[in-house]
Amino acid sequence: MKSFKRGSLLAALGVAALALASPALAALGGDVSSIDADRVSLKGAVTAFSTVKGYGVHEITTASGVHVHEYLTADGKVFAVSWQGPFIPDLKQMLGAYYARYAEAASGPHVGGHRHLRIEQPGLVVESNGRMRAFYGRAWDPALLPENLTPADIR
């Protein structure tokens, strides 16, 4: 009986540890391999690839109709992300290592009110807008933005 309880306890602890452990997924600032991790996390499909001024843009579309664009430099580094759809995607996933800075800035006073958020800090710009079932936004690291791209190119 004791070994059964001990085994059950160990199994429960193992399941809890696996549930709490999350893979290190990168998006903004990550590399090209983060696109597949983002696709899996979003439960979507890569539906398009294009180039903008020589840089790659991958589009991930979810079953719920959210479209996420990830912008990559020629060497495969994600310098910007954007989203549009009925829901805001998991920004913790999209912003990766930048998320803590975003969350801290978003929790304080900011310009825009409840429908518009703009955070501009050294190394991170986030714009998020919308209303129910119609959200859009974008985020980029100005230090990673290629010389021949402007924020207006991030759609």
Protein backbone atom coordinates (compact mmCIF):
# COMPACT_ATOMS: atom_id res chain seq x y z
CA MET A 1 0.00 0.00 0.00
CA LYS A 2 2.82 2.43 0.87
CA SER A 3 4.58 1.75 -2.43
CA PHE A 4 1.33 2.44 -4.30
CA LYS A 5 0.90 5.81 -2.53
CA ARG A 6 4.57 6.63 -3.07
CA GLY A 7 4.33 5.71 -6.78
CA SER A 8 1.15 7.78 -7.16
CA LEU A 9 2.77 10.72 -5.45
CA LEU A 10 5.86 10.49 -7.65
CA ALA A 11 3.72 10.21 -10.76
CA ALA A 12 1.65 13.23 -9.72
CA LEU A 13 4.79 15.25 -9.03
CA GLY A 14 6.20 14.25 -12.41
CA VAL A 15 3.04 15.33 -14.21
CA ALA A 16 3.01 18.62 -12.28
CA ALA A 17 6.64 19.27 -13.16
CA LEU A 18 5.95 18.64 -16.84
CA ALA A 19 2.90 20.90 -16.75
CA LEU A 20 4.87 23.73 -15.15
CA ALA A 21 7.87 23.37 -17.43
CA SER A 22 7.43 25.36 -20.59
CA PRO A 23 9.80 25.18 -23.50
CA ALA A 24 11.95 28.21 -24.16
CA LEU A 25 10.16 29.65 -27.16
CA ALA A 26 11.42 32.76 -28.81
CA ALA A 27 9.60 35.06 -31.16
CA LEU A 28 10.68 38.69 -31.25
CA GLY A 29 14.47 38.56 -31.13
CA GLY A 30 14.49 34.82 -31.78
CA ASP A 31 15.62 32.98 -34.85
CA VAL A 32 13.85 31.28 -37.72
CA SER A 33 13.30 28.13 -35.63
CA SER A 34 10.95 30.12 -33.38
CA ILE A 35 8.41 30.33 -36.20
CA ASP A 36 7.59 26.65 -35.93
CA ALA A 37 7.44 26.90 -32.13
CA ASP A 38 5.04 29.83 -32.49
CA ARG A 39 2.95 27.92 -35.03
CA VAL A 40 2.62 25.00 -32.60
CA SER A 41 1.86 27.26 -29.64
CA LEU A 42 -0.79 29.15 -31.63
CA LYS A 43 -2.20 25.89 -33.02
CA GLY A 44 -1.97 27.43 -36.46
CA ALA A 45 -0.43 26.85 -39.84
CA VAL A 46 2.19 28.78 -41.78
CA THR A 47 -0.01 30.00 -44.61
CA ALA A 48 2.28 32.36 -46.49
CA PHE A 49 5.84 33.48 -46.98
CA SER A 50 6.82 36.67 -48.75
CA THR A 51 9.63 39.17 -48.85
CA VAL A 52 9.48 42.86 -47.98
CA LYS A 53 12.47 44.86 -49.15
CA GLY A 54 14.59 41.70 -49.07
CA TYR A 55 13.46 40.41 -45.67
CA GLY A 56 11.27 37.40 -45.01
CA VAL A 57 7.74 37.53 -43.65
CA HIS A 58 6.08 34.35 -42.41
CA GLU A 59 2.33 34.36 -41.82
CA ILE A 60 0.78 32.00 -39.28
CA THR A 61 -3.00 31.63 -39.36
CA THR A 62 -5.01 30.02 -36.58
CA ALA A 63 -8.30 28.19 -36.87
CA SER A 64 -9.95 31.11 -35.03
CA GLY A 65 -8.81 33.53 -37.74
CA VAL A 66 -5.84 35.21 -36.06
CA HIS A 67 -3.07 36.15 -38.51
CA VAL A 68 0.44 36.59 -37.12
CA HIS A 69 3.33 37.91 -39.23
CA GLU A 70 6.91 37.35 -38.18
CA TYR A 71 9.55 39.45 -39.91
CA LEU A 72 13.04 38.00 -40.37
CA THR A 73 16.36 39.46 -41.37
CA ALA A 74 18.37 37.78 -44.12
CA ASP A 75 20.26 35.84 -41.43
CA GLY A 76 17.02 34.53 -39.88
CA LYS A 77 16.52 36.79 -36.82
CA VAL A 78 12.96 37.87 -35.93
CA PHE A 79 12.99 41.67 -35.70
CA ALA A 80 9.22 42.32 -35.66
CA VAL A 81 5.86 40.63 -35.20
CA SER A 82 2.35 41.77 -36.03
CA TRP A 83 -1.12 40.34 -35.49
CA GLN A 84 -4.69 40.83 -36.64
CA GLY A 85 -7.87 38.95 -35.86
CA PRO A 86 -10.77 38.35 -33.49
CA PHE A 87 -8.41 37.73 -30.56
CA ILE A 88 -5.03 39.03 -29.43
CA PRO A 89 -2.56 36.13 -29.68
CA ASP A 90 -0.54 35.05 -26.66
CA LEU A 91 1.80 38.02 -26.39
CA LYS A 92 4.02 36.13 -23.99
CA GLN A 93 4.68 33.76 -26.88
CA MET A 94 4.96 36.50 -29.52
CA LEU A 95 7.25 38.77 -27.52
CA GLY A 96 9.43 36.06 -26.01
CA ALA A 97 12.21 37.57 -23.90
CA TYR A 98 10.70 41.05 -24.39
CA TYR A 99 7.44 40.11 -22.66
CA ALA A 100 8.47 41.06 -19.08
CA ARG A 101 9.34 44.59 -20.23
CA TYR A 102 6.06 44.84 -22.12
CA ALA A 103 4.00 43.58 -19.17
CA GLU A 104 5.65 46.03 -16.78
CA ALA A 105 5.10 48.99 -19.11
CA ALA A 106 1.52 47.94 -19.95
CA SER A 107 0.57 47.72 -16.28
CA GLY A 108 1.54 51.34 -15.65
CA PRO A 109 0.13 54.57 -17.07
CA HIS A 110 0.26 54.69 -20.84
CA VAL A 111 -1.00 56.69 -23.77
CA GLY A 112 -4.14 55.60 -25.55
CA GLY A 113 -6.80 54.43 -23.11
CA HIS A 114 -8.38 51.00 -23.06
CA ARG A 115 -8.58 50.37 -26.81
CA HIS A 116 -5.17 51.64 -27.82
CA LEU A 117 -1.82 50.83 -26.26
CA ARG A 118 1.52 52.21 -27.37
CA ILE A 119 4.70 51.42 -25.50
CA GLU A 120 7.93 52.92 -26.73
CA GLN A 121 11.12 52.10 -24.87
CA PRO A 122 14.72 51.70 -25.94
CA GLY A 123 14.78 48.26 -27.54
CA LEU A 124 11.00 47.70 -27.68
CA VAL A 125 7.99 49.29 -29.36
CA VAL A 126 4.53 47.72 -29.02
CA GLU A 127 1.30 49.03 -30.53
CA SER A 128 -1.98 47.26 -29.88
CA ASN A 129 -5.44 48.39 -30.95
CA GLY A 130 -8.90 47.05 -31.41
CA ARG A 131 -12.25 46.13 -30.08
CA MET A 132 -14.13 42.90 -29.61
CA ARG A 133 -13.41 40.50 -32.53
CA ALA A 134 -11.22 43.06 -34.33
CA PHE A 135 -7.75 43.36 -32.79
CA TYR A 136 -4.48 44.28 -34.42
CA GLY A 137 -1.03 45.22 -33.30
CA ARG A 138 2.66 45.04 -33.89
CA ALA A 139 5.92 44.96 -31.96
CA TRP A 140 9.53 45.45 -32.94
CA ASP A 141 12.96 46.06 -31.57
CA PRO A 142 14.26 49.29 -33.14
CA ALA A 143 17.84 48.06 -32.71
CA LEU A 144 17.08 45.01 -34.87
CA LEU A 145 15.07 46.86 -37.53
CA PRO A 146 16.97 46.62 -40.84
CA GLU A 147 18.15 49.92 -42.30
CA ASN A 148 15.93 49.72 -45.36
CA LEU A 149 12.72 49.00 -43.41
CA THR A 150 10.60 51.47 -41.48
CA PRO A 151 7.93 50.73 -38.87
CA ALA A 152 5.36 51.51 -41.58
CA ASP A 153 6.50 48.33 -43.37
CA ILE A 154 5.42 46.20 -40.39
CA ARG A 155 1.79 45.34 -41.04
